[in-house]
Amino acid sequence: MSELHSLSIEGHTLVATEHNSNAAGTPIIFIHGILGSIFLQEPVLADVLAGYHWYSLSLPGHYPATLNQSFAPHDLTPEFMGRIMSEAVRQLTGGGPARLLGHSTGGYASLTVAHTAPELVESICLVDAFAFGRWGSPALRPGQLMANLPGIGRAVFITYTRRTMGKPAIVKLFLRYASHNVQAMRQNPCYEETIRLTLRDSAQLDSASLYPYFHNMPHTNIIEWLRDITLPVTVLHGDCDPIIPPQHGEEMARALPNSRLQWFRQTGHLPYIENVEEFTRFVQAWAAQTLAGSEAVV
C-alpha cells in the first residue's frame, strides 16, 4: 500500500505517493513527465523498485497537484522549478538526500533541483530527459506551436486541450507518436492499464496550468547549469525518441561532468512500456549504486 502526501509550497500544492517506507537506504524520488501524473508509471515502478523506499512526486500544476491562483505563465522559470521541487524533496526526506529518477520533464526538474540544492541529491537517473525544452513529434510539438501563437496562443491552446484531454482516440494517438517500438508497446501487459490511467488522469488536468509549460519550454535552456552539477548522473535515452531526440541525451552527457550515457535500443520516448527489459535492467543498476556513487555492471 502507498501513502499519499500533500505538500504546501509557496501557495502551490504538490502531491506524492510513498512506497516501501520501511526499506533501508536513501529514498528514490520519481518525477513524471509533461501531461503525466504520480499514478501513471506506478504499475511498472512497483516492480522495478521493489525493495526500495521510493516516492512518486508530481510536477507543479499536474493532477492532483495545483498551482497558486496568482501564478502567471511567465513565472514558470528554471529558478521556480528548482526552488519548488527542491522544497518538495526537502519535505519528503526531512532535509536528507534523495536519489532522483526523472522522466522527460521530470528529468529536467531533477536537474533544476541538483543545481538549486545539491545537498538534497545523491545521484540522478535521467530517462529521455532534456535541458532544452523544444519538443518534437506530433505528440507534443503542435501544443508548443499553438501556445506560442502571438496574441491568441493561450486561448487556442486551452480550447484545444480541453476538447482533446481524456479522449481514448487521442490517448492512443499520443502513445503511438511518442513511441518507436509500437508493436512491443501494444504487447506489453501494462499497455491497457497505461491507457486506462492516462484517460482517467488526463481528464483531470487543468489546461490553464499546462499552458505555461507549452509556452515557456521551447525558450528554456539550462545546459549551462549542467556544468555545475558534479554529482553522479546516469543518462538513459531512447535511440529513436521522437519527442526528445537522441542528441539531447548526448549533449547532456557531454555537459555533465560526472555522467554516464546508455541507450535504450530501438526505443522511443516511453521505454517503461516499449522496452521494459532494458528499462528495468538499467534503472535497477542505477538504484543499486553504492553511496559512493560506483555503478553496477549492466
C-alpha atoms as a PDB file:
ATOM      1  CA  MET A   1       0.000   0.000   0.000  1.00  0.00           C
ATOM      2  CA  SER A   2       1.186   3.524  -0.753  1.00  0.00           C
ATOM      3  CA  GLU A   3       0.781   6.626   1.386  1.00  0.00           C
ATOM      4  CA  LEU A   4      -0.332   9.954  -0.079  1.00  0.00           C
ATOM      5  CA  HIS A   5       1.489  13.153   0.911  1.00  0.00           C
ATOM      6  CA  SER A   6       0.245  16.689   0.250  1.00  0.00           C
ATOM      7  CA  LEU A   7       2.970  19.342   0.204  1.00  0.00           C
ATOM      8  CA  SER A   8       2.214  23.061   0.551  1.00  0.00           C
ATOM      9  CA  ILE A   9       4.927  25.221  -1.016  1.00  0.00           C
ATOM     10  CA  GLU A  10       4.550  28.974  -1.656  1.00  0.00           C
ATOM     11  CA  GLY A  11       0.799  28.566  -2.056  1.00  0.00           C
ATOM     12  CA  HIS A  12       1.168  25.671  -4.515  1.00  0.00           C
ATOM     13  CA  THR A  13       0.150  22.134  -3.627  1.00  0.00           C
ATOM     14  CA  LEU A  14       2.306  19.234  -4.750  1.00  0.00           C
ATOM     15  CA  VAL A  15       1.401  15.612  -4.120  1.00  0.00           C
ATOM     16  CA  ALA A  16       3.492  12.466  -3.726  1.00  0.00           C
ATOM     17  CA  THR A  17       2.846   8.795  -3.109  1.00  0.00           C
ATOM     18  CA  GLU A  18       5.246   6.895  -0.836  1.00  0.00           C
ATOM     19  CA  HIS A  19       6.106   3.222  -1.276  1.00  0.00           C
ATOM     20  CA  ASN A  20       8.059   0.674   0.800  1.00  0.00           C
ATOM     21  CA  SER A  21       8.612   3.199   3.584  1.00  0.00           C
ATOM     22  CA  ASN A  22      10.337   0.610   5.784  1.00  0.00           C
ATOM     23  CA  ALA A  23      13.019  -0.200   3.218  1.00  0.00           C
ATOM     24  CA  ALA A  24      16.547   0.866   4.141  1.00  0.00           C
ATOM     25  CA  GLY A  25      18.742   3.234   2.161  1.00  0.00           C
ATOM     26  CA  THR A  26      18.474   6.639   0.537  1.00  0.00           C
ATOM     27  CA  PRO A  27      14.944   7.106  -0.853  1.00  0.00           C
ATOM     28  CA  ILE A  28      14.348   7.353  -4.588  1.00  0.00           C
ATOM     29  CA  ILE A  29      12.029  10.097  -5.835  1.00  0.00           C
ATOM     30  CA  PHE A  30      10.468   9.583  -9.262  1.00  0.00           C
ATOM     31  CA  ILE A  31       9.244  12.699 -11.111  1.00  0.00           C
ATOM     32  CA  HIS A  32       6.931  12.153 -14.080  1.00  0.00           C
ATOM     33  CA  GLY A  33       6.850  13.991 -17.400  1.00  0.00           C
ATOM     34  CA  ILE A  34       4.549  16.519 -19.047  1.00  0.00           C
ATOM     35  CA  LEU A  35       0.862  15.528 -19.124  1.00  0.00           C
ATOM     36  CA  GLY A  36       1.638  12.727 -16.664  1.00  0.00           C
ATOM     37  CA  SER A  37       0.635  12.083 -13.084  1.00  0.00           C
ATOM     38  CA  ILE A  38       2.062  10.480  -9.971  1.00  0.00           C
ATOM     39  CA  PHE A  39      -0.021   7.380 -10.677  1.00  0.00           C
ATOM     40  CA  LEU A  40       0.776   6.716 -14.341  1.00  0.00           C
ATOM     41  CA  GLN A  41       4.070   4.800 -14.029  1.00  0.00           C
ATOM     42  CA  GLU A  42       3.320   3.235 -10.648  1.00  0.00           C
ATOM     43  CA  PRO A  43       2.395  -0.238 -12.033  1.00  0.00           C
ATOM     44  CA  VAL A  44       5.812  -0.513 -13.732  1.00  0.00           C
ATOM     45  CA  LEU A  45       7.856   1.151 -10.994  1.00  0.00           C
ATOM     46  CA  ALA A  46       6.300  -1.041  -8.298  1.00  0.00           C
ATOM     47  CA  ASP A  47       8.157  -3.979  -9.885  1.00  0.00           C
ATOM     48  CA  VAL A  48      11.319  -2.124 -10.916  1.00  0.00           C
ATOM     49  CA  LEU A  49      11.812  -0.525  -7.496  1.00  0.00           C
ATOM     50  CA  ALA A  50      10.576  -3.412  -5.361  1.00  0.00           C
ATOM     51  CA  GLY A  51      12.577  -3.438  -2.153  1.00  0.00           C
ATOM     52  CA  TYR A  52      13.469   0.260  -2.355  1.00  0.00           C
ATOM     53  CA  HIS A  53      11.937   3.149  -0.441  1.00  0.00           C
ATOM     54  CA  TRP A  54      10.571   5.403  -3.173  1.00  0.00           C
ATOM     55  CA  TYR A  55       8.179   8.226  -3.908  1.00  0.00           C
ATOM     56  CA  SER A  56       6.304   9.375  -6.991  1.00  0.00           C
ATOM     57  CA  LEU A  57       6.261  13.195  -6.949  1.00  0.00           C
ATOM     58  CA  SER A  58       4.063  15.446  -9.062  1.00  0.00           C
ATOM     59  CA  LEU A  59       5.202  18.261 -11.291  1.00  0.00           C
ATOM     60  CA  PRO A  60       3.689  21.631 -10.315  1.00  0.00           C
ATOM     61  CA  GLY A  61       0.211  22.048 -11.764  1.00  0.00           C
ATOM     62  CA  HIS A  62      -0.218  18.385 -12.738  1.00  0.00           C
ATOM     63  CA  TYR A  63      -3.138  16.438 -11.278  1.00  0.00           C
ATOM     64  CA  PRO A  64      -3.571  16.013  -8.381  1.00  0.00           C
ATOM     65  CA  ALA A  65      -1.196  18.946  -7.747  1.00  0.00           C
ATOM     66  CA  THR A  66      -2.464  22.522  -8.110  1.00  0.00           C
ATOM     67  CA  LEU A  67      -0.842  25.888  -8.757  1.00  0.00           C
ATOM     68  CA  ASN A  68      -1.291  29.020  -6.689  1.00  0.00           C
ATOM     69  CA  GLN A  69      -4.176  31.033  -8.176  1.00  0.00           C
ATOM     70  CA  SER A  70      -1.897  34.039  -8.619  1.00  0.00           C
ATOM     71  CA  PHE A  71       0.638  32.041 -10.666  1.00  0.00           C
ATOM     72  CA  ALA A  72       1.376  33.671 -14.034  1.00  0.00           C
ATOM     73  CA  PRO A  73       2.734  31.825 -17.102  1.00  0.00           C
ATOM     74  CA  HIS A  74       5.987  33.790 -17.095  1.00  0.00           C
ATOM     75  CA  ASP A  75       6.624  32.535 -13.536  1.00  0.00           C
ATOM     76  CA  LEU A  76       7.477  29.040 -14.837  1.00  0.00           C
ATOM     77  CA  THR A  77      11.233  29.565 -14.972  1.00  0.00           C
ATOM     78  CA  PRO A  78      14.074  27.134 -14.205  1.00  0.00           C
ATOM     79  CA  GLU A  79      14.602  29.037 -10.962  1.00  0.00           C
ATOM     80  CA  PHE A  80      10.948  28.499  -9.991  1.00  0.00           C
ATOM     81  CA  MET A  81      11.138  24.796 -10.807  1.00  0.00           C
ATOM     82  CA  GLY A  82      14.352  24.367  -8.856  1.00  0.00           C
ATOM     83  CA  ARG A  83      13.010  26.223  -5.830  1.00  0.00           C
ATOM     84  CA  ILE A  84       9.619  24.469  -5.662  1.00  0.00           C
ATOM     85  CA  MET A  85      10.867  20.974  -6.410  1.00  0.00           C
ATOM     86  CA  SER A  86      13.806  21.316  -4.007  1.00  0.00           C
ATOM     87  CA  GLU A  87      11.434  22.222  -1.205  1.00  0.00           C
ATOM     88  CA  ALA A  88       9.234  19.245  -2.120  1.00  0.00           C
ATOM     89  CA  VAL A  89      12.231  16.922  -1.863  1.00  0.00           C
ATOM     90  CA  ARG A  90      13.222  18.543   1.428  1.00  0.00           C
ATOM     91  CA  GLN A  91       9.763  17.999   2.897  1.00  0.00           C
ATOM     92  CA  LEU A  92       9.642  14.363   1.783  1.00  0.00           C
ATOM     93  CA  THR A  93      13.087  13.461   3.123  1.00  0.00           C
ATOM     94  CA  GLY A  94      13.147  15.710   6.167  1.00  0.00           C
ATOM     95  CA  GLY A  95      16.158  17.512   4.718  1.00  0.00           C
ATOM     96  CA  GLY A  96      18.144  14.393   3.943  1.00  0.00           C
ATOM     97  CA  PRO A  97      19.406  13.420   0.478  1.00  0.00           C
ATOM     98  CA  ALA A  98      17.418  11.574  -2.161  1.00  0.00           C
ATOM     99  CA  ARG A  99      18.142   9.864  -5.441  1.00  0.00           C
ATOM    100  CA  LEU A 100      16.118  11.414  -8.268  1.00  0.00           C
ATOM    101  CA  LEU A 101      14.641   9.416 -11.139  1.00  0.00           C
ATOM    102  CA  GLY A 102      13.123  11.749 -13.719  1.00  0.00           C
ATOM    103  CA  HIS A 103      11.323  11.002 -16.973  1.00  0.00           C
ATOM    104  CA  SER A 104      11.225  13.723 -19.656  1.00  0.00           C
ATOM    105  CA  THR A 105      10.161  16.993 -17.971  1.00  0.00           C
ATOM    106  CA  GLY A 106      10.661  15.198 -14.673  1.00  0.00           C
ATOM    107  CA  GLY A 107      14.310  14.791 -15.658  1.00  0.00           C
ATOM    108  CA  TYR A 108      14.556  18.500 -16.387  1.00  0.00           C
ATOM    109  CA  ALA A 109      13.013  19.161 -12.965  1.00  0.00           C
ATOM    110  CA  SER A 110      15.549  16.804 -11.348  1.00  0.00           C
ATOM    111  CA  LEU A 111      18.406  18.785 -12.886  1.00  0.00           C
ATOM    112  CA  THR A 112      16.998  22.057 -11.521  1.00  0.00           C
ATOM    113  CA  VAL A 113      16.892  20.509  -8.040  1.00  0.00           C
ATOM    114  CA  ALA A 114      20.514  19.362  -8.331  1.00  0.00           C
ATOM    115  CA  HIS A 115      21.555  22.863  -9.391  1.00  0.00           C
ATOM    116  CA  THR A 116      19.479  24.656  -6.741  1.00  0.00           C
ATOM    117  CA  ALA A 117      20.041  22.387  -3.738  1.00  0.00           C
ATOM    118  CA  PRO A 118      22.838  19.878  -4.448  1.00  0.00           C
ATOM    119  CA  GLU A 119      22.900  18.855  -0.790  1.00  0.00           C
ATOM    120  CA  LEU A 120      19.497  17.208  -1.327  1.00  0.00           C
ATOM    121  CA  VAL A 121      20.601  14.997  -4.231  1.00  0.00           C
ATOM    122  CA  GLU A 122      22.819  11.923  -4.003  1.00  0.00           C
ATOM    123  CA  SER A 123      22.532  10.907  -7.662  1.00  0.00           C
ATOM    124  CA  ILE A 124      20.217  11.291 -10.662  1.00  0.00           C
ATOM    125  CA  CYS A 125      18.887   8.957 -13.332  1.00  0.00           C
ATOM    126  CA  LEU A 126      17.525  10.822 -16.364  1.00  0.00           C
ATOM    127  CA  VAL A 127      15.125   8.925 -18.642  1.00  0.00           C
ATOM    128  CA  ASP A 128      14.568  10.612 -22.020  1.00  0.00           C
ATOM    129  CA  ALA A 129      15.098  13.980 -20.353  1.00  0.00           C
ATOM    130  CA  PHE A 130      16.203  17.359 -21.693  1.00  0.00           C
ATOM    131  CA  ALA A 131      17.953  20.594 -20.835  1.00  0.00           C
ATOM    132  CA  PHE A 132      16.471  22.459 -23.825  1.00  0.00           C
ATOM    133  CA  GLY A 133      12.691  22.199 -23.901  1.00  0.00           C
ATOM    134  CA  ARG A 134      11.774  22.271 -27.566  1.00  0.00           C
ATOM    135  CA  TRP A 135       9.749  19.083 -28.023  1.00  0.00           C
ATOM    136  CA  GLY A 136       9.267  17.173 -31.268  1.00  0.00           C
ATOM    137  CA  SER A 137       6.779  14.704 -32.773  1.00  0.00           C
ATOM    138  CA  PRO A 138       3.061  15.251 -33.438  1.00  0.00           C
ATOM    139  CA  ALA A 139       2.564  14.100 -29.847  1.00  0.00           C
ATOM    140  CA  LEU A 140       3.686  17.420 -28.296  1.00  0.00           C
ATOM    141  CA  ARG A 141       5.140  19.871 -30.807  1.00  0.00           C
ATOM    142  CA  PRO A 142       1.742  21.168 -32.054  1.00  0.00           C
ATOM    143  CA  GLY A 143       0.866  22.143 -28.474  1.00  0.00           C
ATOM    144  CA  GLN A 144       4.012  24.253 -28.204  1.00  0.00           C
ATOM    145  CA  LEU A 145       3.293  25.925 -31.538  1.00  0.00           C
ATOM    146  CA  MET A 146      -0.293  26.713 -30.523  1.00  0.00           C
ATOM    147  CA  ALA A 147       0.751  28.083 -27.130  1.00  0.00           C
ATOM    148  CA  ASN A 148       3.192  30.473 -28.798  1.00  0.00           C
ATOM    149  CA  LEU A 149       0.783  31.972 -31.338  1.00  0.00           C
ATOM    150  CA  PRO A 150       1.064  35.760 -30.896  1.00  0.00           C
ATOM    151  CA  GLY A 151      -1.885  37.207 -29.013  1.00  0.00           C
ATOM    152  CA  ILE A 152      -4.126  34.151 -29.216  1.00  0.00           C
ATOM    153  CA  GLY A 153      -1.844  31.332 -28.075  1.00  0.00           C
ATOM    154  CA  ARG A 154      -3.303  30.872 -24.610  1.00  0.00           C
ATOM    155  CA  ALA A 155      -6.907  30.805 -25.814  1.00  0.00           C
ATOM    156  CA  VAL A 156      -6.149  28.419 -28.689  1.00  0.00           C
ATOM    157  CA  PHE A 157      -4.116  26.070 -26.510  1.00  0.00           C
ATOM    158  CA  ILE A 158      -6.692  25.928 -23.709  1.00  0.00           C
ATOM    159  CA  THR A 159      -9.577  25.368 -26.120  1.00  0.00           C
ATOM    160  CA  TYR A 160      -7.693  22.608 -27.951  1.00  0.00           C
ATOM    161  CA  THR A 161      -6.585  20.744 -24.834  1.00  0.00           C
ATOM    162  CA  ARG A 162      -9.980  20.938 -23.169  1.00  0.00           C
ATOM    163  CA  ARG A 163     -11.546  19.330 -26.227  1.00  0.00           C
ATOM    164  CA  THR A 164      -8.971  16.553 -26.537  1.00  0.00           C
ATOM    165  CA  MET A 165      -7.905  15.592 -22.996  1.00  0.00           C
ATOM    166  CA  GLY A 166      -9.294  12.296 -21.794  1.00  0.00           C
ATOM    167  CA  LYS A 167     -10.398  11.086 -25.236  1.00  0.00           C
ATOM    168  CA  PRO A 168      -9.481   7.410 -25.937  1.00  0.00           C
ATOM    169  CA  ALA A 169      -8.533   8.001 -29.579  1.00  0.00           C
ATOM    170  CA  ILE A 170      -6.306  10.956 -28.659  1.00  0.00           C
ATOM    171  CA  VAL A 171      -4.554   8.992 -25.907  1.00  0.00           C
ATOM    172  CA  LYS A 172      -3.803   6.123 -28.284  1.00  0.00           C
ATOM    173  CA  LEU A 173      -2.524   8.548 -30.917  1.00  0.00           C
ATOM    174  CA  PHE A 174      -0.302  10.225 -28.331  1.00  0.00           C
ATOM    175  CA  LEU A 175       1.217   6.901 -27.292  1.00  0.00           C
ATOM    176  CA  ARG A 176       1.693   5.982 -30.946  1.00  0.00           C
ATOM    177  CA  TYR A 177       3.520   9.201 -31.823  1.00  0.00           C
ATOM    178  CA  ALA A 178       5.556   9.248 -28.592  1.00  0.00           C
ATOM    179  CA  SER A 179       6.881   5.736 -29.118  1.00  0.00           C
ATOM    180  CA  HIS A 180       9.043   3.981 -31.701  1.00  0.00           C
ATOM    181  CA  ASN A 181       8.543   0.282 -30.983  1.00  0.00           C
ATOM    182  CA  VAL A 182       4.768   0.356 -31.268  1.00  0.00           C
ATOM    183  CA  GLN A 183       4.362  -3.403 -31.517  1.00  0.00           C
ATOM    184  CA  ALA A 184       6.299  -4.054 -28.308  1.00  0.00           C
ATOM    185  CA  MET A 185       4.371  -1.311 -26.545  1.00  0.00           C
ATOM    186  CA  ARG A 186       0.993  -2.744 -27.515  1.00  0.00           C
ATOM    187  CA  GLN A 187       2.078  -6.239 -26.466  1.00  0.00           C
ATOM    188  CA  ASN A 188       3.168  -5.031 -23.037  1.00  0.00           C
ATOM    189  CA  PRO A 189       0.816  -6.319 -20.309  1.00  0.00           C
ATOM    190  CA  CYS A 190       0.808  -2.783 -18.832  1.00  0.00           C
ATOM    191  CA  TYR A 191      -0.341  -1.150 -22.092  1.00  0.00           C
ATOM    192  CA  GLU A 192      -4.080  -1.298 -21.396  1.00  0.00           C
ATOM    193  CA  GLU A 193      -3.524  -0.172 -17.798  1.00  0.00           C
ATOM    194  CA  THR A 194      -1.425   2.734 -19.096  1.00  0.00           C
ATOM    195  CA  ILE A 195      -4.308   3.771 -21.353  1.00  0.00           C
ATOM    196  CA  ARG A 196      -6.796   3.479 -18.507  1.00  0.00           C
ATOM    197  CA  LEU A 197      -4.692   5.560 -16.118  1.00  0.00           C
ATOM    198  CA  THR A 198      -3.887   8.133 -18.802  1.00  0.00           C
ATOM    199  CA  LEU A 199      -7.579   8.524 -19.654  1.00  0.00           C
ATOM    200  CA  ARG A 200      -8.508   8.878 -16.013  1.00  0.00           C
ATOM    201  CA  ASP A 201      -5.780  11.340 -15.045  1.00  0.00           C
ATOM    202  CA  SER A 202      -5.555  13.405 -18.233  1.00  0.00           C
ATOM    203  CA  ALA A 203      -9.256  14.200 -17.883  1.00  0.00           C
ATOM    204  CA  GLN A 204      -8.355  15.869 -14.562  1.00  0.00           C
ATOM    205  CA  LEU A 205      -5.534  18.029 -15.956  1.00  0.00           C
ATOM    206  CA  ASP A 206      -6.113  21.778 -15.913  1.00  0.00           C
ATOM    207  CA  SER A 207      -5.400  23.290 -19.343  1.00  0.00           C
ATOM    208  CA  ALA A 208      -4.565  26.685 -17.856  1.00  0.00           C
ATOM    209  CA  SER A 209      -1.919  25.055 -15.640  1.00  0.00           C
ATOM    210  CA  LEU A 210      -0.396  23.233 -18.619  1.00  0.00           C
ATOM    211  CA  TYR A 211      -0.190  26.349 -20.788  1.00  0.00           C
ATOM    212  CA  PRO A 212       2.958  27.773 -19.099  1.00  0.00           C
ATOM    213  CA  TYR A 213       4.831  24.538 -19.847  1.00  0.00           C
ATOM    214  CA  PHE A 214       3.929  24.545 -23.535  1.00  0.00           C
ATOM    215  CA  HIS A 215       4.516  28.271 -23.878  1.00  0.00           C
ATOM    216  CA  ASN A 216       7.781  28.551 -21.945  1.00  0.00           C
ATOM    217  CA  MET A 217       9.654  25.294 -22.500  1.00  0.00           C
ATOM    218  CA  PRO A 218      10.661  25.976 -26.140  1.00  0.00           C
ATOM    219  CA  HIS A 219      12.527  29.033 -24.821  1.00  0.00           C
ATOM    220  CA  THR A 220      14.076  27.271 -21.804  1.00  0.00           C
ATOM    221  CA  ASN A 221      17.653  26.007 -21.895  1.00  0.00           C
ATOM    222  CA  ILE A 222      19.608  25.041 -18.760  1.00  0.00           C
ATOM    223  CA  ILE A 223      22.580  23.401 -20.494  1.00  0.00           C
ATOM    224  CA  GLU A 224      24.979  25.828 -18.776  1.00  0.00           C
ATOM    225  CA  TRP A 225      23.610  24.774 -15.389  1.00  0.00           C
ATOM    226  CA  LEU A 226      24.667  21.195 -16.075  1.00  0.00           C
ATOM    227  CA  ARG A 227      28.374  22.073 -15.954  1.00  0.00           C
ATOM    228  CA  ASP A 228      27.950  22.901 -12.249  1.00  0.00           C
ATOM    229  CA  ILE A 229      26.254  19.591 -11.377  1.00  0.00           C
ATOM    230  CA  THR A 230      29.099  17.338 -10.213  1.00  0.00           C
ATOM    231  CA  LEU A 231      27.098  14.527  -8.584  1.00  0.00           C
ATOM    232  CA  PRO A 232      26.734  11.199 -10.473  1.00  0.00           C
ATOM    233  CA  VAL A 233      24.168  11.315 -13.285  1.00  0.00           C
ATOM    234  CA  THR A 234      23.073   8.335 -15.374  1.00  0.00           C
ATOM    235  CA  VAL A 235      21.613   9.456 -18.713  1.00  0.00           C
ATOM    236  CA  LEU A 236      19.251   6.891 -20.253  1.00  0.00           C
ATOM    237  CA  HIS A 237      17.763   7.760 -23.629  1.00  0.00           C
ATOM    238  CA  GLY A 238      15.799   6.087 -26.391  1.00  0.00           C
ATOM    239  CA  ASP A 239      17.898   5.959 -29.543  1.00  0.00           C
ATOM    240  CA  CYS A 240      14.736   6.614 -31.583  1.00  0.00           C
ATOM    241  CA  ASP A 241      12.968   9.092 -29.281  1.00  0.00           C
ATOM    242  CA  PRO A 242      10.745  11.296 -31.494  1.00  0.00           C
ATOM    243  CA  ILE A 243       9.881  13.815 -28.745  1.00  0.00           C
ATOM    244  CA  ILE A 244      13.306  14.392 -27.184  1.00  0.00           C
ATOM    245  CA  PRO A 245      15.679  13.319 -29.995  1.00  0.00           C
ATOM    246  CA  PRO A 246      18.852  11.397 -29.073  1.00  0.00           C
ATOM    247  CA  GLN A 247      21.129  14.423 -29.462  1.00  0.00           C
ATOM    248  CA  HIS A 248      19.584  15.801 -26.256  1.00  0.00           C
ATOM    249  CA  GLY A 249      20.970  12.840 -24.340  1.00  0.00           C
ATOM    250  CA  GLU A 250      24.384  13.261 -25.965  1.00  0.00           C
ATOM    251  CA  GLU A 251      24.503  16.995 -25.197  1.00  0.00           C
ATOM    252  CA  MET A 252      23.543  16.484 -21.559  1.00  0.00           C
ATOM    253  CA  ALA A 253      26.107  13.719 -21.104  1.00  0.00           C
ATOM    254  CA  ARG A 254      28.834  15.979 -22.530  1.00  0.00           C
ATOM    255  CA  ALA A 255      27.842  18.906 -20.311  1.00  0.00           C
ATOM    256  CA  LEU A 256      27.515  16.935 -17.069  1.00  0.00           C
ATOM    257  CA  PRO A 257      30.970  16.435 -15.500  1.00  0.00           C
ATOM    258  CA  ASN A 258      30.134  13.083 -13.849  1.00  0.00           C
ATOM    259  CA  SER A 259      27.758  11.318 -16.221  1.00  0.00           C
ATOM    260  CA  ARG A 260      27.246   8.022 -17.964  1.00  0.00           C
ATOM    261  CA  LEU A 261      25.149   7.659 -21.136  1.00  0.00           C
ATOM    262  CA  GLN A 262      23.272   4.480 -22.055  1.00  0.00           C
ATOM    263  CA  TRP A 263      20.864   3.887 -24.928  1.00  0.00           C
ATOM    264  CA  PHE A 264      17.539   2.105 -24.989  1.00  0.00           C
ATOM    265  CA  ARG A 265      17.812   0.275 -28.312  1.00  0.00           C
ATOM    266  CA  GLN A 266      15.098   0.763 -30.935  1.00  0.00           C
ATOM    267  CA  THR A 267      13.080   2.698 -28.374  1.00  0.00           C
ATOM    268  CA  GLY A 268      11.189   5.990 -28.400  1.00  0.00           C
ATOM    269  CA  HIS A 269      10.053   8.218 -25.535  1.00  0.00           C
ATOM    270  CA  LEU A 270       8.277   5.549 -23.467  1.00  0.00           C
ATOM    271  CA  PRO A 271      10.895   2.932 -22.520  1.00  0.00           C
ATOM    272  CA  TYR A 272       8.905   1.770 -19.492  1.00  0.00           C
ATOM    273  CA  ILE A 273       6.320   0.229 -21.845  1.00  0.00           C
ATOM    274  CA  GLU A 274       8.303  -0.055 -25.116  1.00  0.00           C
ATOM    275  CA  ASN A 275      11.461  -1.719 -23.781  1.00  0.00           C
ATOM    276  CA  VAL A 276      10.688  -3.000 -20.314  1.00  0.00           C
ATOM    277  CA  GLU A 277      13.663  -5.361 -20.166  1.00  0.00           C
ATOM    278  CA  GLU A 278      16.293  -2.660 -20.691  1.00  0.00           C
ATOM    279  CA  PHE A 279      14.372  -0.087 -18.665  1.00  0.00           C
ATOM    280  CA  THR A 280      14.238  -2.469 -15.714  1.00  0.00           C
ATOM    281  CA  ARG A 281      17.868  -3.522 -16.029  1.00  0.00           C
ATOM    282  CA  PHE A 282      19.267   0.000 -16.411  1.00  0.00           C
ATOM    283  CA  VAL A 283      17.164   1.589 -13.659  1.00  0.00           C
ATOM    284  CA  GLN A 284      17.809  -1.265 -11.231  1.00  0.00           C
ATOM    285  CA  ALA A 285      21.550  -0.990 -11.908  1.00  0.00           C
ATOM    286  CA  TRP A 286      21.377   2.715 -11.095  1.00  0.00           C
ATOM    287  CA  ALA A 287      19.268   2.076  -7.993  1.00  0.00           C
ATOM    288  CA  ALA A 288      21.834  -0.471  -6.766  1.00  0.00           C
ATOM    289  CA  GLN A 289      24.695   2.035  -6.817  1.00  0.00           C
ATOM    290  CA  THR A 290      26.617   2.375  -3.584  1.00  0.00           C
ATOM    291  CA  LEU A 291      26.561   5.588  -1.582  1.00  0.00           C
ATOM    292  CA  ALA A 292      29.979   6.337  -3.065  1.00  0.00           C
ATOM    293  CA  GLY A 293      28.407   6.503  -6.498  1.00  0.00           C
ATOM    294  CA  SER A 294      30.027   3.424  -8.063  1.00  0.00           C
ATOM    295  CA  GLU A 295      27.926   1.898 -10.787  1.00  0.00           C
ATOM    296  CA  ALA A 296      26.787  -1.674 -11.105  1.00  0.00           C
ATOM    297  CA  VAL A 297      27.712  -3.586 -14.252  1.00  0.00           C
ATOM    298  CA  VAL A 298      24.879  -3.827 -16.764  1.00  0.00           C
END
